[in-house]
Amino acid sequence: MGKSILESYAQGRAVVASDLGSRRELIEAGKTGLLYPVSDVKQLTSAIASLQHSPDLSRRMGEAGSELVRERHSQPKHLEKLENLYEELRRGNSRPRTSINAKPLRVAYIGGRGVGGKYSGIETYYEETGKRLARNGHEITAYCRSHFTPSTAVHDGIRTVRLPTIRFKHLETFVHTLLSTIHACFSNYDVVHYQCLGPS
């Protein structure tokens, strides 16, 4: 996901990016920004110059990008999609949540360091998403590394399970994820959401 592209859109800015990967998915060429072939410096220069010399075009693209963020990538929209995805997983089919009175979800987050400390984006995601889902009536549990997370049973509505790990570069994430998974197997969760498992 091209976070910097969405941040630029949110500020009402047109975007110029290489025609590659997620950039191609996020940029509607000619509408929200301009794409140029990878490593083609002449095309990059031309794209920047065209926006510089056409401020009205740049403004329209920025407005279109801002609208795209509001429609597809706002926090409420993300939470709505996430709740629907969790509900699909719980039901085992593709039916979305259809009522605000639907049974609350029991969701576990595994893979990050925990909550109560902003170490990286994944911990921020734990907290920001978890507390909003909790406010919507869901039961959210974050599996936390005991050396990282303060000793508290609940943080911003998120239930915490603190477990130890081996504090060694190549083992810390793997061991904690393994212990968390074993614990989760004996808990009654609807969904276990694994995140940020690259190092393991």
C-alpha atoms as a PDB file:
ATOM      1  CA  MET A   1       0.000   0.000   0.000  1.00  0.00           C
ATOM      2  CA  GLY A   2       1.423   3.373  -1.041  1.00  0.00           C
ATOM      3  CA  LYS A   3       0.912   5.267   2.208  1.00  0.00           C
ATOM      4  CA  SER A   4       2.712   8.377   0.956  1.00  0.00           C
ATOM      5  CA  ILE A   5       0.367   8.516  -2.044  1.00  0.00           C
ATOM      6  CA  LEU A   6      -2.720   8.444   0.169  1.00  0.00           C
ATOM      7  CA  GLU A   7      -1.197  11.068   2.461  1.00  0.00           C
ATOM      8  CA  SER A   8      -0.589  13.307  -0.565  1.00  0.00           C
ATOM      9  CA  TYR A   9      -4.167  12.785  -1.718  1.00  0.00           C
ATOM     10  CA  ALA A  10      -5.446  13.669   1.746  1.00  0.00           C
ATOM     11  CA  GLN A  11      -3.602  16.997   1.444  1.00  0.00           C
ATOM     12  CA  GLY A  12      -5.199  17.650  -1.942  1.00  0.00           C
ATOM     13  CA  ARG A  13      -2.022  17.121  -3.948  1.00  0.00           C
ATOM     14  CA  ALA A  14      -1.636  15.568  -7.393  1.00  0.00           C
ATOM     15  CA  VAL A  15       0.811  12.658  -7.438  1.00  0.00           C
ATOM     16  CA  VAL A  16       3.567  11.736  -9.876  1.00  0.00           C
ATOM     17  CA  ALA A  17       4.882   8.186  -9.480  1.00  0.00           C
ATOM     18  CA  SER A  18       6.537   5.366 -11.405  1.00  0.00           C
ATOM     19  CA  ASP A  19       4.181   2.893 -13.072  1.00  0.00           C
ATOM     20  CA  LEU A  20       4.852   0.056 -10.667  1.00  0.00           C
ATOM     21  CA  GLY A  21       3.020  -2.179  -8.169  1.00  0.00           C
ATOM     22  CA  SER A  22       0.555  -0.573  -5.773  1.00  0.00           C
ATOM     23  CA  ARG A  23       1.196   2.864  -7.282  1.00  0.00           C
ATOM     24  CA  ARG A  24      -0.570   1.691 -10.415  1.00  0.00           C
ATOM     25  CA  GLU A  25      -3.499   0.556  -8.276  1.00  0.00           C
ATOM     26  CA  LEU A  26      -3.807   3.826  -6.344  1.00  0.00           C
ATOM     27  CA  ILE A  27      -3.221   6.379  -9.076  1.00  0.00           C
ATOM     28  CA  GLU A  28      -5.896   6.905 -11.699  1.00  0.00           C
ATOM     29  CA  ALA A  29      -3.663   8.202 -14.478  1.00  0.00           C
ATOM     30  CA  GLY A  30      -4.844  11.561 -15.740  1.00  0.00           C
ATOM     31  CA  LYS A  31      -7.413  11.890 -12.944  1.00  0.00           C
ATOM     32  CA  THR A  32      -5.600  11.787  -9.592  1.00  0.00           C
ATOM     33  CA  GLY A  33      -2.023  11.926 -10.847  1.00  0.00           C
ATOM     34  CA  LEU A  34       0.471  10.931 -13.500  1.00  0.00           C
ATOM     35  CA  LEU A  35       2.463   7.737 -13.997  1.00  0.00           C
ATOM     36  CA  TYR A  36       5.760   7.429 -15.814  1.00  0.00           C
ATOM     37  CA  PRO A  37       7.725   4.326 -16.931  1.00  0.00           C
ATOM     38  CA  VAL A  38      10.177   3.015 -14.346  1.00  0.00           C
ATOM     39  CA  SER A  39      13.638   4.665 -14.629  1.00  0.00           C
ATOM     40  CA  ASP A  40      12.471   6.992 -17.408  1.00  0.00           C
ATOM     41  CA  VAL A  41      13.857  10.313 -16.179  1.00  0.00           C
ATOM     42  CA  LYS A  42      12.634  12.217 -19.234  1.00  0.00           C
ATOM     43  CA  GLN A  43       9.032  11.119 -18.662  1.00  0.00           C
ATOM     44  CA  LEU A  44       9.316  11.960 -14.964  1.00  0.00           C
ATOM     45  CA  THR A  45      10.603  15.429 -15.798  1.00  0.00           C
ATOM     46  CA  SER A  46       7.840  15.897 -18.350  1.00  0.00           C
ATOM     47  CA  ALA A  47       5.132  14.845 -15.874  1.00  0.00           C
ATOM     48  CA  ILE A  48       6.365  17.253 -13.203  1.00  0.00           C
ATOM     49  CA  ALA A  49       6.646  20.081 -15.734  1.00  0.00           C
ATOM     50  CA  SER A  50       3.127  19.481 -17.046  1.00  0.00           C
ATOM     51  CA  LEU A  51       1.664  19.907 -13.556  1.00  0.00           C
ATOM     52  CA  GLN A  52       3.834  22.927 -12.864  1.00  0.00           C
ATOM     53  CA  HIS A  53       2.634  24.641 -16.034  1.00  0.00           C
ATOM     54  CA  SER A  54      -1.012  23.568 -15.561  1.00  0.00           C
ATOM     55  CA  PRO A  55      -2.028  24.588 -12.022  1.00  0.00           C
ATOM     56  CA  ASP A  56      -5.719  24.007 -12.777  1.00  0.00           C
ATOM     57  CA  LEU A  57      -4.994  20.418 -13.801  1.00  0.00           C
ATOM     58  CA  SER A  58      -2.885  19.908 -10.690  1.00  0.00           C
ATOM     59  CA  ARG A  59      -5.683  21.304  -8.512  1.00  0.00           C
ATOM     60  CA  ARG A  60      -8.340  19.079 -10.134  1.00  0.00           C
ATOM     61  CA  MET A  61      -6.166  16.004  -9.663  1.00  0.00           C
ATOM     62  CA  GLY A  62      -5.577  16.935  -6.035  1.00  0.00           C
ATOM     63  CA  GLU A  63      -9.306  17.330  -5.431  1.00  0.00           C
ATOM     64  CA  ALA A  64     -10.015  13.986  -7.106  1.00  0.00           C
ATOM     65  CA  GLY A  65      -7.368  12.307  -4.953  1.00  0.00           C
ATOM     66  CA  SER A  66      -8.812  13.847  -1.800  1.00  0.00           C
ATOM     67  CA  GLU A  67     -12.257  12.541  -2.719  1.00  0.00           C
ATOM     68  CA  LEU A  68     -10.826   9.075  -3.388  1.00  0.00           C
ATOM     69  CA  VAL A  69      -9.307   8.974   0.109  1.00  0.00           C
ATOM     70  CA  ARG A  70     -12.598   9.992   1.718  1.00  0.00           C
ATOM     71  CA  GLU A  71     -14.568   7.386  -0.234  1.00  0.00           C
ATOM     72  CA  ARG A  72     -12.217   4.398   0.014  1.00  0.00           C
ATOM     73  CA  HIS A  73      -9.549   4.904   2.657  1.00  0.00           C
ATOM     74  CA  SER A  74     -10.994   6.880   5.568  1.00  0.00           C
ATOM     75  CA  GLN A  75     -10.880   5.411   9.090  1.00  0.00           C
ATOM     76  CA  PRO A  76     -14.657   4.751   9.183  1.00  0.00           C
ATOM     77  CA  LYS A  77     -14.480   3.031   5.789  1.00  0.00           C
ATOM     78  CA  HIS A  78     -11.518   0.916   6.897  1.00  0.00           C
ATOM     79  CA  LEU A  79     -13.312  -0.170  10.072  1.00  0.00           C
ATOM     80  CA  GLU A  80     -16.445  -1.013   8.116  1.00  0.00           C
ATOM     81  CA  LYS A  81     -14.469  -3.203   5.702  1.00  0.00           C
ATOM     82  CA  LEU A  82     -12.566  -4.824   8.563  1.00  0.00           C
ATOM     83  CA  GLU A  83     -15.739  -5.655  10.490  1.00  0.00           C
ATOM     84  CA  ASN A  84     -17.311  -7.122   7.359  1.00  0.00           C
ATOM     85  CA  LEU A  85     -14.203  -9.217   6.700  1.00  0.00           C
ATOM     86  CA  TYR A  86     -14.148 -10.524  10.274  1.00  0.00           C
ATOM     87  CA  GLU A  87     -17.842 -11.348  10.036  1.00  0.00           C
ATOM     88  CA  GLU A  88     -17.301 -13.235   6.766  1.00  0.00           C
ATOM     89  CA  LEU A  89     -14.557 -15.272   8.413  1.00  0.00           C
ATOM     90  CA  ARG A  90     -16.737 -16.038  11.415  1.00  0.00           C
ATOM     91  CA  ARG A  91     -19.681 -17.095   9.290  1.00  0.00           C
ATOM     92  CA  GLY A  92     -17.547 -19.007   6.832  1.00  0.00           C
ATOM     93  CA  ASN A  93     -19.221 -17.371   3.853  1.00  0.00           C
ATOM     94  CA  SER A  94     -19.361 -14.040   2.055  1.00  0.00           C
ATOM     95  CA  ARG A  95     -22.392 -12.531   3.763  1.00  0.00           C
ATOM     96  CA  PRO A  96     -21.523  -9.096   5.210  1.00  0.00           C
ATOM     97  CA  ARG A  97     -22.698  -7.716   8.535  1.00  0.00           C
ATOM     98  CA  THR A  98     -26.204  -6.392   7.923  1.00  0.00           C
ATOM     99  CA  SER A  99     -27.173  -5.055  11.327  1.00  0.00           C
ATOM    100  CA  ILE A 100     -25.557  -2.899  13.967  1.00  0.00           C
ATOM    101  CA  ASN A 101     -27.104  -5.351  16.434  1.00  0.00           C
ATOM    102  CA  ALA A 102     -25.128  -8.291  15.038  1.00  0.00           C
ATOM    103  CA  LYS A 103     -23.373 -10.450  17.609  1.00  0.00           C
ATOM    104  CA  PRO A 104     -20.123  -8.796  18.791  1.00  0.00           C
ATOM    105  CA  LEU A 105     -16.935 -10.256  17.377  1.00  0.00           C
ATOM    106  CA  ARG A 106     -14.154 -11.746  19.491  1.00  0.00           C
ATOM    107  CA  VAL A 107     -10.896 -10.889  17.725  1.00  0.00           C
ATOM    108  CA  ALA A 108      -7.281 -11.557  18.724  1.00  0.00           C
ATOM    109  CA  TYR A 109      -4.296  -9.641  17.358  1.00  0.00           C
ATOM    110  CA  ILE A 110      -1.054 -11.626  17.162  1.00  0.00           C
ATOM    111  CA  GLY A 111       2.305 -10.652  15.707  1.00  0.00           C
ATOM    112  CA  GLY A 112       3.165  -7.219  17.071  1.00  0.00           C
ATOM    113  CA  ARG A 113       4.880  -6.164  20.267  1.00  0.00           C
ATOM    114  CA  GLY A 114       1.670  -5.085  21.951  1.00  0.00           C
ATOM    115  CA  VAL A 115      -0.100  -1.927  23.080  1.00  0.00           C
ATOM    116  CA  GLY A 116       0.762   0.939  25.383  1.00  0.00           C
ATOM    117  CA  GLY A 117       3.912   1.885  23.497  1.00  0.00           C
ATOM    118  CA  LYS A 118       4.329   3.225  19.972  1.00  0.00           C
ATOM    119  CA  TYR A 119       7.307   1.258  18.668  1.00  0.00           C
ATOM    120  CA  SER A 120       6.239   1.021  15.029  1.00  0.00           C
ATOM    121  CA  GLY A 121       3.276   1.268  12.703  1.00  0.00           C
ATOM    122  CA  ILE A 122       1.923  -2.142  13.663  1.00  0.00           C
ATOM    123  CA  GLU A 123       1.599  -1.189  17.339  1.00  0.00           C
ATOM    124  CA  THR A 124      -0.141   2.023  16.310  1.00  0.00           C
ATOM    125  CA  TYR A 125      -2.481  -0.064  14.166  1.00  0.00           C
ATOM    126  CA  TYR A 126      -3.185  -2.357  17.132  1.00  0.00           C
ATOM    127  CA  GLU A 127      -4.227   0.572  19.266  1.00  0.00           C
ATOM    128  CA  GLU A 128      -6.058   2.768  16.782  1.00  0.00           C
ATOM    129  CA  THR A 129      -8.037  -0.047  15.165  1.00  0.00           C
ATOM    130  CA  GLY A 130      -8.502  -2.079  18.325  1.00  0.00           C
ATOM    131  CA  LYS A 131      -9.903   0.735  20.439  1.00  0.00           C
ATOM    132  CA  ARG A 132     -12.349   1.759  17.707  1.00  0.00           C
ATOM    133  CA  LEU A 133     -13.582  -1.807  17.267  1.00  0.00           C
ATOM    134  CA  ALA A 134     -13.930  -2.055  21.049  1.00  0.00           C
ATOM    135  CA  ARG A 135     -16.039   1.111  21.054  1.00  0.00           C
ATOM    136  CA  ASN A 136     -18.265  -0.573  18.473  1.00  0.00           C
ATOM    137  CA  GLY A 137     -18.942  -3.316  21.007  1.00  0.00           C
ATOM    138  CA  HIS A 138     -16.439  -5.963  19.900  1.00  0.00           C
ATOM    139  CA  GLU A 139     -14.082  -7.834  22.224  1.00  0.00           C
ATOM    140  CA  ILE A 140     -10.521  -7.182  21.070  1.00  0.00           C
ATOM    141  CA  THR A 141      -7.505  -8.950  22.556  1.00  0.00           C
ATOM    142  CA  ALA A 142      -3.905  -8.007  21.801  1.00  0.00           C
ATOM    143  CA  TYR A 143      -1.172 -10.534  22.508  1.00  0.00           C
ATOM    144  CA  CYS A 144       1.718  -8.534  23.930  1.00  0.00           C
ATOM    145  CA  ARG A 145       5.353  -9.155  24.753  1.00  0.00           C
ATOM    146  CA  SER A 146       5.677  -8.874  28.513  1.00  0.00           C
ATOM    147  CA  HIS A 147       8.844  -6.758  28.365  1.00  0.00           C
ATOM    148  CA  PHE A 148       7.201  -4.264  26.008  1.00  0.00           C
ATOM    149  CA  THR A 149       3.685  -3.722  27.317  1.00  0.00           C
ATOM    150  CA  PRO A 150       2.812  -2.194  30.712  1.00  0.00           C
ATOM    151  CA  SER A 151       1.240  -4.570  33.218  1.00  0.00           C
ATOM    152  CA  THR A 152      -2.425  -3.793  32.641  1.00  0.00           C
ATOM    153  CA  ALA A 153      -5.367  -6.060  31.849  1.00  0.00           C
ATOM    154  CA  VAL A 154      -7.075  -3.548  29.550  1.00  0.00           C
ATOM    155  CA  HIS A 155      -5.690  -0.682  27.489  1.00  0.00           C
ATOM    156  CA  ASP A 156      -8.116   1.704  25.735  1.00  0.00           C
ATOM    157  CA  GLY A 157     -10.762  -1.011  25.702  1.00  0.00           C
ATOM    158  CA  ILE A 158      -8.338  -3.626  24.340  1.00  0.00           C
ATOM    159  CA  ARG A 159      -7.833  -6.713  26.497  1.00  0.00           C
ATOM    160  CA  THR A 160      -4.154  -7.594  26.818  1.00  0.00           C
ATOM    161  CA  VAL A 161      -2.494 -10.976  27.189  1.00  0.00           C
ATOM    162  CA  ARG A 162       1.165 -10.532  28.154  1.00  0.00           C
ATOM    163  CA  LEU A 163       3.452 -13.448  27.325  1.00  0.00           C
ATOM    164  CA  PRO A 164       7.240 -13.844  27.537  1.00  0.00           C
ATOM    165  CA  THR A 165       9.609 -14.420  24.663  1.00  0.00           C
ATOM    166  CA  ILE A 166      13.309 -14.911  23.973  1.00  0.00           C
ATOM    167  CA  ARG A 167      14.845 -11.490  23.439  1.00  0.00           C
ATOM    168  CA  PHE A 168      17.086 -12.424  20.554  1.00  0.00           C
ATOM    169  CA  LYS A 169      16.826 -10.914  17.069  1.00  0.00           C
ATOM    170  CA  HIS A 170      16.006 -14.111  15.187  1.00  0.00           C
ATOM    171  CA  LEU A 171      13.804 -15.698  17.854  1.00  0.00           C
ATOM    172  CA  GLU A 172      11.808 -12.954  19.567  1.00  0.00           C
ATOM    173  CA  THR A 173       8.936 -12.657  17.089  1.00  0.00           C
ATOM    174  CA  PHE A 174       8.836 -16.374  16.290  1.00  0.00           C
ATOM    175  CA  VAL A 175       8.716 -17.525  19.926  1.00  0.00           C
ATOM    176  CA  HIS A 176       6.147 -14.955  20.994  1.00  0.00           C
ATOM    177  CA  THR A 177       3.932 -15.714  17.997  1.00  0.00           C
ATOM    178  CA  LEU A 178       4.154 -19.440  18.747  1.00  0.00           C
ATOM    179  CA  LEU A 179       3.215 -18.988  22.420  1.00  0.00           C
ATOM    180  CA  SER A 180       0.414 -16.592  21.499  1.00  0.00           C
ATOM    181  CA  THR A 181      -0.971 -19.038  18.952  1.00  0.00           C
ATOM    182  CA  ILE A 182      -0.977 -21.887  21.476  1.00  0.00           C
ATOM    183  CA  HIS A 183      -2.807 -19.680  23.972  1.00  0.00           C
ATOM    184  CA  ALA A 184      -5.296 -18.563  21.312  1.00  0.00           C
ATOM    185  CA  CYS A 185      -6.051 -22.189  20.399  1.00  0.00           C
ATOM    186  CA  PHE A 186      -7.529 -22.637  23.862  1.00  0.00           C
ATOM    187  CA  SER A 187      -9.520 -19.398  23.730  1.00  0.00           C
ATOM    188  CA  ASN A 188     -12.880 -18.820  22.129  1.00  0.00           C
ATOM    189  CA  TYR A 189     -12.023 -16.267  19.425  1.00  0.00           C
ATOM    190  CA  ASP A 190     -14.038 -15.768  16.268  1.00  0.00           C
ATOM    191  CA  VAL A 191     -11.014 -14.450  14.371  1.00  0.00           C
ATOM    192  CA  VAL A 192      -7.269 -14.480  14.992  1.00  0.00           C
ATOM    193  CA  HIS A 193      -5.622 -11.667  13.032  1.00  0.00           C
ATOM    194  CA  TYR A 194      -1.902 -12.252  12.437  1.00  0.00           C
ATOM    195  CA  GLN A 195       0.124  -9.150  11.678  1.00  0.00           C
ATOM    196  CA  CYS A 196       3.711  -8.151  10.924  1.00  0.00           C
ATOM    197  CA  LEU A 197       5.225 -11.633  10.844  1.00  0.00           C
ATOM    198  CA  GLY A 198       8.012 -10.903   8.354  1.00  0.00           C
ATOM    199  CA  PRO A 199      10.921 -11.373  10.810  1.00  0.00           C
ATOM    200  CA  SER A 200       9.676 -14.794  11.891  1.00  0.00           C
END
